[in-house]
C-alpha atoms as a PDB file:
ATOM      1  CA  UNK A   1     -17.601  -5.808  -9.307  1.00  0.00           C
ATOM      2  CA  UNK A   2     -20.113  -4.825 -12.679  1.00  0.00           C
ATOM      3  CA  UNK A   3     -16.694  -3.377 -13.894  1.00  0.00           C
ATOM      4  CA  UNK A   4     -14.621  -6.143 -13.113  1.00  0.00           C
ATOM      5  CA  UNK A   5     -16.815  -8.590 -14.782  1.00  0.00           C
ATOM      6  CA  UNK A   6     -16.895  -5.941 -18.108  1.00  0.00           C
ATOM      7  CA  UNK A   7     -13.504  -5.898 -18.326  1.00  0.00           C
ATOM      8  CA  UNK A   8     -13.199  -9.746 -17.826  1.00  0.00           C
ATOM      9  CA  UNK A   9     -15.380 -10.111 -20.827  1.00  0.00           C
ATOM     10  CA  UNK A  10     -13.987  -7.556 -23.303  1.00  0.00           C
ATOM     11  CA  UNK A  11     -10.525  -8.668 -22.684  1.00  0.00           C
ATOM     12  CA  UNK A  12     -12.300 -12.541 -23.451  1.00  0.00           C
ATOM     13  CA  UNK A  13     -13.384 -11.577 -26.492  1.00  0.00           C
ATOM     14  CA  UNK A  14     -10.092 -10.452 -27.485  1.00  0.00           C
ATOM     15  CA  UNK A  15      -8.909 -13.636 -27.043  1.00  0.00           C
ATOM     16  CA  UNK A  16      -4.854 -14.457 -28.030  1.00  0.00           C
ATOM     17  CA  UNK A  17      -5.389 -12.531 -31.199  1.00  0.00           C
ATOM     18  CA  UNK A  18      -3.548  -9.923 -29.843  1.00  0.00           C
ATOM     19  CA  UNK A  19      -0.034  -8.101 -29.398  1.00  0.00           C
ATOM     20  CA  UNK A  20      -0.930  -7.316 -25.698  1.00  0.00           C
ATOM     21  CA  UNK A  21       1.062 -10.473 -23.676  1.00  0.00           C
ATOM     22  CA  UNK A  22      -0.826  -9.234 -20.619  1.00  0.00           C
ATOM     23  CA  UNK A  23      -2.051 -11.164 -17.569  1.00  0.00           C
ATOM     24  CA  UNK A  24      -5.183 -12.187 -18.986  1.00  0.00           C
ATOM     25  CA  UNK A  25      -3.417 -13.580 -22.100  1.00  0.00           C
ATOM     26  CA  UNK A  26      -1.516 -15.809 -19.737  1.00  0.00           C
ATOM     27  CA  UNK A  27      -4.828 -16.769 -18.541  1.00  0.00           C
ATOM     28  CA  UNK A  28      -6.807 -17.690 -21.243  1.00  0.00           C
ATOM     29  CA  UNK A  29      -4.008 -19.145 -22.790  1.00  0.00           C
ATOM     30  CA  UNK A  30      -3.470 -21.533 -19.498  1.00  0.00           C
ATOM     31  CA  UNK A  31      -4.191 -25.243 -19.250  1.00  0.00           C
ATOM     32  CA  UNK A  32      -4.605 -27.318 -16.392  1.00  0.00           C
ATOM     33  CA  UNK A  33      -2.126 -30.435 -16.839  1.00  0.00           C
ATOM     34  CA  UNK A  34      -4.156 -33.209 -15.582  1.00  0.00           C
ATOM     35  CA  UNK A  35      -7.808 -32.547 -17.557  1.00  0.00           C
ATOM     36  CA  UNK A  36      -6.587 -30.231 -20.470  1.00  0.00           C
ATOM     37  CA  UNK A  37      -9.285 -27.456 -19.125  1.00  0.00           C
ATOM     38  CA  UNK A  38      -8.634 -23.900 -19.210  1.00  0.00           C
ATOM     39  CA  UNK A  39     -10.376 -21.470 -16.618  1.00  0.00           C
ATOM     40  CA  UNK A  40     -13.991 -21.018 -16.789  1.00  0.00           C
ATOM     41  CA  UNK A  41     -15.751 -17.733 -17.504  1.00  0.00           C
ATOM     42  CA  UNK A  42     -16.723 -17.904 -13.339  1.00  0.00           C
ATOM     43  CA  UNK A  43     -12.870 -18.031 -12.593  1.00  0.00           C
ATOM     44  CA  UNK A  44     -11.562 -15.233 -15.268  1.00  0.00           C
ATOM     45  CA  UNK A  45     -13.851 -13.226 -13.707  1.00  0.00           C
ATOM     46  CA  UNK A  46     -12.772 -13.994  -9.970  1.00  0.00           C
ATOM     47  CA  UNK A  47      -8.894 -13.724 -11.450  1.00  0.00           C
ATOM     48  CA  UNK A  48      -9.976  -9.467 -12.851  1.00  0.00           C
ATOM     49  CA  UNK A  49     -11.592  -8.929  -9.724  1.00  0.00           C
ATOM     50  CA  UNK A  50      -8.097  -9.815  -7.937  1.00  0.00           C
ATOM     51  CA  UNK A  51      -6.318  -8.225 -10.544  1.00  0.00           C
ATOM     52  CA  UNK A  52      -8.501  -4.888 -10.677  1.00  0.00           C
ATOM     53  CA  UNK A  53      -9.311  -4.330  -7.201  1.00  0.00           C
ATOM     54  CA  UNK A  54      -6.614  -6.198  -4.853  1.00  0.00           C
ATOM     55  CA  UNK A  55      -4.083  -5.638  -7.038  1.00  0.00           C
ATOM     56  CA  UNK A  56      -4.680  -1.638  -8.335  1.00  0.00           C
ATOM     57  CA  UNK A  57      -6.857  -0.192  -5.616  1.00  0.00           C
ATOM     58  CA  UNK A  58      -4.132  -0.983  -2.978  1.00  0.00           C
ATOM     59  CA  UNK A  59      -1.541   0.038  -4.730  1.00  0.00           C
ATOM     60  CA  UNK A  60      -3.208   3.376  -5.742  1.00  0.00           C
ATOM     61  CA  UNK A  61      -4.013   3.726  -2.334  1.00  0.00           C
ATOM     62  CA  UNK A  62      -0.550   3.313  -0.893  1.00  0.00           C
ATOM     63  CA  UNK A  63       0.939   5.600  -3.623  1.00  0.00           C
ATOM     64  CA  UNK A  64      -1.585   8.464  -2.415  1.00  0.00           C
ATOM     65  CA  UNK A  65      -1.176   7.627   1.221  1.00  0.00           C
ATOM     66  CA  UNK A  66       2.821   8.283  -0.022  1.00  0.00           C
ATOM     67  CA  UNK A  67       1.805  11.324  -1.933  1.00  0.00           C
ATOM     68  CA  UNK A  68      -0.266  12.469   0.714  1.00  0.00           C
ATOM     69  CA  UNK A  69       2.723  12.321   3.976  1.00  0.00           C
ATOM     70  CA  UNK A  70       5.520  13.437   1.684  1.00  0.00           C
ATOM     71  CA  UNK A  71       3.705  16.862   1.272  1.00  0.00           C
ATOM     72  CA  UNK A  72       2.745  17.196   4.497  1.00  0.00           C
ATOM     73  CA  UNK A  73       6.114  16.339   6.082  1.00  0.00           C
ATOM     74  CA  UNK A  74       8.665  18.744   4.358  1.00  0.00           C
ATOM     75  CA  UNK A  75      11.953  17.242   6.093  1.00  0.00           C
ATOM     76  CA  UNK A  76      10.886  13.811   4.748  1.00  0.00           C
ATOM     77  CA  UNK A  77      10.206  15.273   1.060  1.00  0.00           C
ATOM     78  CA  UNK A  78      13.201  17.100   1.175  1.00  0.00           C
ATOM     79  CA  UNK A  79      15.292  13.789   2.091  1.00  0.00           C
ATOM     80  CA  UNK A  80      13.752  11.610  -0.127  1.00  0.00           C
ATOM     81  CA  UNK A  81      13.650  13.935  -3.271  1.00  0.00           C
ATOM     82  CA  UNK A  82      17.492  14.529  -2.506  1.00  0.00           C
ATOM     83  CA  UNK A  83      18.132  10.651  -2.625  1.00  0.00           C
ATOM     84  CA  UNK A  84      16.603   9.736  -5.777  1.00  0.00           C
ATOM     85  CA  UNK A  85      17.998  12.887  -7.580  1.00  0.00           C
ATOM     86  CA  UNK A  86      21.544  12.422  -6.166  1.00  0.00           C
ATOM     87  CA  UNK A  87      21.023   8.455  -7.072  1.00  0.00           C
ATOM     88  CA  UNK A  88      19.807   8.797 -10.592  1.00  0.00           C
ATOM     89  CA  UNK A  89      21.241  10.922 -13.397  1.00  0.00           C
ATOM     90  CA  UNK A  90      18.434  10.956 -15.889  1.00  0.00           C
ATOM     91  CA  UNK A  91      14.904   9.862 -15.342  1.00  0.00           C
ATOM     92  CA  UNK A  92      15.456   6.736 -18.000  1.00  0.00           C
ATOM     93  CA  UNK A  93      17.504   5.363 -15.231  1.00  0.00           C
ATOM     94  CA  UNK A  94      14.811   5.008 -12.958  1.00  0.00           C
ATOM     95  CA  UNK A  95      14.010   1.039 -13.374  1.00  0.00           C
ATOM     96  CA  UNK A  96      13.704  -1.747 -11.293  1.00  0.00           C
ATOM     97  CA  UNK A  97      17.202  -2.959 -10.297  1.00  0.00           C
ATOM     98  CA  UNK A  98      19.614  -2.682  -7.841  1.00  0.00           C
ATOM     99  CA  UNK A  99      20.085   1.395  -8.086  1.00  0.00           C
ATOM    100  CA  UNK A 100      16.154   1.586  -7.324  1.00  0.00           C
ATOM    101  CA  UNK A 101      16.357  -0.898  -4.725  1.00  0.00           C
ATOM    102  CA  UNK A 102      19.131   0.842  -2.877  1.00  0.00           C
ATOM    103  CA  UNK A 103      17.019   3.982  -2.519  1.00  0.00           C
ATOM    104  CA  UNK A 104      16.516   2.817   1.399  1.00  0.00           C
ATOM    105  CA  UNK A 105      15.072   6.263   2.129  1.00  0.00           C
ATOM    106  CA  UNK A 106      12.249   6.269  -0.398  1.00  0.00           C
ATOM    107  CA  UNK A 107      10.872   2.525   0.409  1.00  0.00           C
ATOM    108  CA  UNK A 108      11.019   3.719   4.153  1.00  0.00           C
ATOM    109  CA  UNK A 109       9.230   6.822   3.123  1.00  0.00           C
ATOM    110  CA  UNK A 110       6.353   4.292   1.516  1.00  0.00           C
ATOM    111  CA  UNK A 111       6.543   1.656   4.182  1.00  0.00           C
ATOM    112  CA  UNK A 112       5.878   4.421   6.851  1.00  0.00           C
ATOM    113  CA  UNK A 113       2.287   5.634   4.796  1.00  0.00           C
ATOM    114  CA  UNK A 114       1.118   2.059   4.229  1.00  0.00           C
ATOM    115  CA  UNK A 115       1.737   1.738   8.110  1.00  0.00           C
ATOM    116  CA  UNK A 116      -0.078   4.538   9.101  1.00  0.00           C
ATOM    117  CA  UNK A 117      -2.607   4.517   6.553  1.00  0.00           C
ATOM    118  CA  UNK A 118      -2.670   0.808   5.393  1.00  0.00           C
ATOM    119  CA  UNK A 119      -4.463  -0.235   2.018  1.00  0.00           C
ATOM    120  CA  UNK A 120      -6.247  -2.795   3.799  1.00  0.00           C
ATOM    121  CA  UNK A 121      -7.008  -1.286   7.399  1.00  0.00           C
ATOM    122  CA  UNK A 122      -8.979  -4.451   8.559  1.00  0.00           C
ATOM    123  CA  UNK A 123      -7.806  -7.893   9.543  1.00  0.00           C
ATOM    124  CA  UNK A 124      -8.537 -11.602   7.894  1.00  0.00           C
ATOM    125  CA  UNK A 125     -12.127 -12.757  10.473  1.00  0.00           C
ATOM    126  CA  UNK A 126     -11.223 -16.170  12.239  1.00  0.00           C
ATOM    127  CA  UNK A 127     -14.496 -18.030  13.795  1.00  0.00           C
ATOM    128  CA  UNK A 128     -13.756 -19.195  17.199  1.00  0.00           C
ATOM    129  CA  UNK A 129     -14.103 -22.969  17.394  1.00  0.00           C
ATOM    130  CA  UNK A 130     -15.757 -25.404  19.968  1.00  0.00           C
ATOM    131  CA  UNK A 131     -14.909 -24.621  23.694  1.00  0.00           C
ATOM    132  CA  UNK A 132     -13.953 -20.835  23.251  1.00  0.00           C
ATOM    133  CA  UNK A 133     -10.391 -19.705  23.884  1.00  0.00           C
ATOM    134  CA  UNK A 134      -9.147 -16.866  26.034  1.00  0.00           C
ATOM    135  CA  UNK A 135      -7.470 -13.893  24.116  1.00  0.00           C
ATOM    136  CA  UNK A 136      -5.313 -11.559  25.941  1.00  0.00           C
ATOM    137  CA  UNK A 137      -7.214 -12.305  29.453  1.00  0.00           C
ATOM    138  CA  UNK A 138     -10.791 -12.272  27.865  1.00  0.00           C
ATOM    139  CA  UNK A 139     -12.538 -15.382  27.168  1.00  0.00           C
ATOM    140  CA  UNK A 140     -14.351 -15.457  23.874  1.00  0.00           C
ATOM    141  CA  UNK A 141     -16.920 -18.095  23.065  1.00  0.00           C
ATOM    142  CA  UNK A 142     -17.311 -20.728  20.036  1.00  0.00           C
ATOM    143  CA  UNK A 143     -18.775 -18.978  16.641  1.00  0.00           C
ATOM    144  CA  UNK A 144     -17.277 -15.536  17.262  1.00  0.00           C
ATOM    145  CA  UNK A 145     -15.414 -14.139  14.610  1.00  0.00           C
ATOM    146  CA  UNK A 146     -12.000 -12.236  15.737  1.00  0.00           C
ATOM    147  CA  UNK A 147      -9.754 -10.278  13.982  1.00  0.00           C
ATOM    148  CA  UNK A 148      -6.638  -8.393  14.299  1.00  0.00           C
ATOM    149  CA  UNK A 149      -7.136  -5.108  11.927  1.00  0.00           C
ATOM    150  CA  UNK A 150      -3.562  -4.120  10.591  1.00  0.00           C
ATOM    151  CA  UNK A 151      -4.255  -0.391  11.087  1.00  0.00           C
ATOM    152  CA  UNK A 152      -4.527  -1.043  14.897  1.00  0.00           C
ATOM    153  CA  UNK A 153      -1.522  -3.157  14.947  1.00  0.00           C
ATOM    154  CA  UNK A 154       0.444  -0.348  12.886  1.00  0.00           C
ATOM    155  CA  UNK A 155      -0.263   1.771  15.518  1.00  0.00           C
ATOM    156  CA  UNK A 156       0.417  -0.077  18.799  1.00  0.00           C
ATOM    157  CA  UNK A 157       2.823   1.115  20.883  1.00  0.00           C
ATOM    158  CA  UNK A 158       5.128  -1.777  22.040  1.00  0.00           C
ATOM    159  CA  UNK A 159       6.234  -1.731  18.134  1.00  0.00           C
ATOM    160  CA  UNK A 160       5.777   1.542  16.832  1.00  0.00           C
ATOM    161  CA  UNK A 161       6.211   4.566  19.416  1.00  0.00           C
ATOM    162  CA  UNK A 162       5.091   7.745  18.639  1.00  0.00           C
ATOM    163  CA  UNK A 163       2.415   5.595  16.307  1.00  0.00           C
ATOM    164  CA  UNK A 164       0.326   8.713  14.756  1.00  0.00           C
ATOM    165  CA  UNK A 165       3.556  10.409  13.803  1.00  0.00           C
ATOM    166  CA  UNK A 166       5.433  10.316  10.297  1.00  0.00           C
ATOM    167  CA  UNK A 167       9.058   8.989  10.824  1.00  0.00           C
ATOM    168  CA  UNK A 168      10.211   7.253   8.002  1.00  0.00           C
ATOM    169  CA  UNK A 169      13.713   6.805  10.124  1.00  0.00           C
ATOM    170  CA  UNK A 170      11.626   3.960  11.999  1.00  0.00           C
ATOM    171  CA  UNK A 171      12.694   1.739   9.397  1.00  0.00           C
ATOM    172  CA  UNK A 172      16.165   2.480   9.040  1.00  0.00           C
ATOM    173  CA  UNK A 173      18.963   1.298  11.487  1.00  0.00           C
ATOM    174  CA  UNK A 174      21.574   3.540  11.428  1.00  0.00           C
ATOM    175  CA  UNK A 175      18.941   6.708  10.999  1.00  0.00           C
ATOM    176  CA  UNK A 176      16.373   5.532  13.804  1.00  0.00           C
ATOM    177  CA  UNK A 177      16.201   8.298  16.553  1.00  0.00           C
ATOM    178  CA  UNK A 178      17.663   7.295  19.828  1.00  0.00           C
ATOM    179  CA  UNK A 179      13.464   6.839  21.440  1.00  0.00           C
ATOM    180  CA  UNK A 180      13.389   4.569  18.086  1.00  0.00           C
ATOM    181  CA  UNK A 181      16.437   2.795  17.615  1.00  0.00           C
ATOM    182  CA  UNK A 182      15.467  -0.394  19.721  1.00  0.00           C
ATOM    183  CA  UNK A 183      12.893  -0.812  17.646  1.00  0.00           C
ATOM    184  CA  UNK A 184      13.552  -1.181  13.965  1.00  0.00           C
ATOM    185  CA  UNK A 185      13.531  -5.220  14.274  1.00  0.00           C
ATOM    186  CA  UNK A 186       9.843  -5.154  16.041  1.00  0.00           C
ATOM    187  CA  UNK A 187       8.552  -2.295  13.187  1.00  0.00           C
ATOM    188  CA  UNK A 188       9.669  -4.609  10.624  1.00  0.00           C
ATOM    189  CA  UNK A 189       8.384  -7.633  12.313  1.00  0.00           C
ATOM    190  CA  UNK A 190       5.157  -6.152  13.387  1.00  0.00           C
ATOM    191  CA  UNK A 191       3.951  -5.108   9.540  1.00  0.00           C
ATOM    192  CA  UNK A 192       1.453  -6.380   7.443  1.00  0.00           C
ATOM    193  CA  UNK A 193       0.362  -4.347   5.408  1.00  0.00           C
ATOM    194  CA  UNK A 194       0.151  -7.234   2.700  1.00  0.00           C
ATOM    195  CA  UNK A 195      -1.049  -9.956   5.544  1.00  0.00           C
ATOM    196  CA  UNK A 196       1.958 -12.216   6.274  1.00  0.00           C
ATOM    197  CA  UNK A 197       2.406 -15.822   6.361  1.00  0.00           C
ATOM    198  CA  UNK A 198       1.045 -18.391   3.306  1.00  0.00           C
ATOM    199  CA  UNK A 199      -1.565 -16.076   2.923  1.00  0.00           C
ATOM    200  CA  UNK A 200      -0.028 -12.834   2.290  1.00  0.00           C
ATOM    201  CA  UNK A 201      -0.949 -10.556  -0.472  1.00  0.00           C
ATOM    202  CA  UNK A 202       0.928 -12.708  -3.880  1.00  0.00           C
ATOM    203  CA  UNK A 203       0.999  -9.249  -5.553  1.00  0.00           C
ATOM    204  CA  UNK A 204       3.949  -7.770  -3.173  1.00  0.00           C
ATOM    205  CA  UNK A 205       6.801  -7.638  -5.364  1.00  0.00           C
ATOM    206  CA  UNK A 206       4.846  -6.337  -8.367  1.00  0.00           C
ATOM    207  CA  UNK A 207       3.343  -3.767  -5.590  1.00  0.00           C
ATOM    208  CA  UNK A 208       6.660  -2.543  -4.948  1.00  0.00           C
ATOM    209  CA  UNK A 209       7.845  -2.081  -8.222  1.00  0.00           C
ATOM    210  CA  UNK A 210       5.128  -0.306  -9.077  1.00  0.00           C
ATOM    211  CA  UNK A 211       5.365   2.193  -6.174  1.00  0.00           C
ATOM    212  CA  UNK A 212       9.352   2.426  -6.038  1.00  0.00           C
ATOM    213  CA  UNK A 213       9.541   2.998  -9.720  1.00  0.00           C
ATOM    214  CA  UNK A 214       6.294   5.605  -9.865  1.00  0.00           C
ATOM    215  CA  UNK A 215       7.118   7.348  -6.696  1.00  0.00           C
ATOM    216  CA  UNK A 216      11.040   7.631  -7.811  1.00  0.00           C
ATOM    217  CA  UNK A 217      10.101   9.024 -11.527  1.00  0.00           C
ATOM    218  CA  UNK A 218       7.782  11.390 -10.225  1.00  0.00           C
ATOM    219  CA  UNK A 219      10.416  13.093  -7.721  1.00  0.00           C
ATOM    220  CA  UNK A 220      12.522  12.863 -10.296  1.00  0.00           C
ATOM    221  CA  UNK A 221      10.656  14.572 -12.700  1.00  0.00           C
ATOM    222  CA  UNK A 222       8.659  17.432 -10.603  1.00  0.00           C
ATOM    223  CA  UNK A 223       8.576  19.267  -7.086  1.00  0.00           C
ATOM    224  CA  UNK A 224       5.570  18.781  -5.372  1.00  0.00           C
ATOM    225  CA  UNK A 225       3.194  20.449  -3.078  1.00  0.00           C
ATOM    226  CA  UNK A 226       0.300  20.734  -1.385  1.00  0.00           C
ATOM    227  CA  UNK A 227      -2.491  23.245  -3.633  1.00  0.00           C
ATOM    228  CA  UNK A 228      -3.181  26.178  -1.649  1.00  0.00           C
ATOM    229  CA  UNK A 229      -6.356  26.144   0.106  1.00  0.00           C
ATOM    230  CA  UNK A 230      -7.002  22.299  -0.418  1.00  0.00           C
ATOM    231  CA  UNK A 231      -7.238  20.112   2.684  1.00  0.00           C
ATOM    232  CA  UNK A 232      -8.739  16.576   0.673  1.00  0.00           C
ATOM    233  CA  UNK A 233      -7.656  13.571   2.962  1.00  0.00           C
ATOM    234  CA  UNK A 234      -6.846  15.341   6.240  1.00  0.00           C
ATOM    235  CA  UNK A 235      -8.784  14.687   9.616  1.00  0.00           C
ATOM    236  CA  UNK A 236     -11.236  17.551  10.783  1.00  0.00           C
ATOM    237  CA  UNK A 237     -11.591  18.987  14.221  1.00  0.00           C
ATOM    238  CA  UNK A 238     -15.226  18.922  13.513  1.00  0.00           C
ATOM    239  CA  UNK A 239     -15.687  15.406  13.075  1.00  0.00           C
ATOM    240  CA  UNK A 240     -17.452  13.201  15.672  1.00  0.00           C
ATOM    241  CA  UNK A 241     -15.964   9.574  15.149  1.00  0.00           C
ATOM    242  CA  UNK A 242     -13.235   8.753  16.794  1.00  0.00           C
ATOM    243  CA  UNK A 243      -9.564   9.831  15.167  1.00  0.00           C
ATOM    244  CA  UNK A 244     -10.887  11.325  12.636  1.00  0.00           C
ATOM    245  CA  UNK A 245      -9.884  14.783  14.133  1.00  0.00           C
ATOM    246  CA  UNK A 246      -5.893  14.199  13.107  1.00  0.00           C
ATOM    247  CA  UNK A 247      -5.037  16.817  10.796  1.00  0.00           C
ATOM    248  CA  UNK A 248      -1.725  15.115   9.467  1.00  0.00           C
ATOM    249  CA  UNK A 249      -3.125  11.434   9.403  1.00  0.00           C
ATOM    250  CA  UNK A 250      -4.820  10.525   5.521  1.00  0.00           C
ATOM    251  CA  UNK A 251      -8.154   9.214   6.094  1.00  0.00           C
ATOM    252  CA  UNK A 252      -9.251   5.775   5.101  1.00  0.00           C
ATOM    253  CA  UNK A 253     -12.489   4.270   5.306  1.00  0.00           C
ATOM    254  CA  UNK A 254     -12.522   0.657   5.554  1.00  0.00           C
ATOM    255  CA  UNK A 255     -14.157  -1.586   2.687  1.00  0.00           C
ATOM    256  CA  UNK A 256     -12.064  -4.249   2.657  1.00  0.00           C
ATOM    257  CA  UNK A 257      -9.466  -2.190   0.806  1.00  0.00           C
ATOM    258  CA  UNK A 258      -9.849   1.485   1.473  1.00  0.00           C
ATOM    259  CA  UNK A 259     -11.744   4.051  -0.006  1.00  0.00           C
ATOM    260  CA  UNK A 260     -10.089   7.663   0.172  1.00  0.00           C
ATOM    261  CA  UNK A 261     -10.548  10.959  -1.187  1.00  0.00           C
ATOM    262  CA  UNK A 262      -7.177  13.204  -2.359  1.00  0.00           C
ATOM    263  CA  UNK A 263      -4.421  14.592  -1.563  1.00  0.00           C
ATOM    264  CA  UNK A 264      -4.712  17.414  -3.993  1.00  0.00           C
ATOM    265  CA  UNK A 265      -1.327  17.957  -4.830  1.00  0.00           C
ATOM    266  CA  UNK A 266       0.559  20.664  -7.638  1.00  0.00           C
ATOM    267  CA  UNK A 267       3.300  19.479  -9.774  1.00  0.00           C
ATOM    268  CA  UNK A 268       5.825  21.375 -11.135  1.00  0.00           C
ATOM    269  CA  UNK A 269       8.613  20.418 -13.737  1.00  0.00           C
ATOM    270  CA  UNK A 270      11.799  20.891 -12.465  1.00  0.00           C
ATOM    271  CA  UNK A 271      14.198  22.795 -14.962  1.00  0.00           C
ATOM    272  CA  UNK A 272      17.490  20.868 -15.538  1.00  0.00           C
ATOM    273  CA  UNK A 273      20.420  21.550 -18.560  1.00  0.00           C
END
């Protein structure tokens, strides 16, 4: 929060006297059409929190998770690399547009990573109103906060059979294995990495542009693998906390957004004539 505030203050000092037409350029230039007033200092700080914490921290977690699962699943990595390198003849072709959006397996790899290790793993709490409510056969009295964590929904076997396995094909109707084929529609309907409804993430489209472009460029330019002897982000058999023993699951900590460590990868440039 302190870092976010300092960045907002520093950028505000620069004002509009800069060639950088970034997010803050437009925020500083904005005026209420009725009052003519611009954003207050506190409002600019709030926007800074949104852009830095919600906008970049979550995307970096999604990217780290995608790298983690690809590096731990050789078949998925080979298939994703093949699609990217066959689609583009040069790295500078990899920009937002129809060709990149056509890389459906790359998109599936990203979505499957966010399903298994969502950047926001918790849920948005709702307070029970007077009179209480019965949820799934259990009465919950008024005043209690309830929610459905994204992690929980993303591992519900009714929507995602074999929920702790990384299977990008579950998102693609003509590629899903037989035991998942009838669940593709459910998988899309239950997916809530960006939340859903009118309070869903306003940056969803931008996040996908960042993720698709960055991942495609990295996979076009480099061969990747886990750094030998490195196990950052993996579960551990000696962990006592429930669920932390899953070696192949990217381990996150819920701090509203997700705290993470690793993975540690090696990148080798691809030789091309």
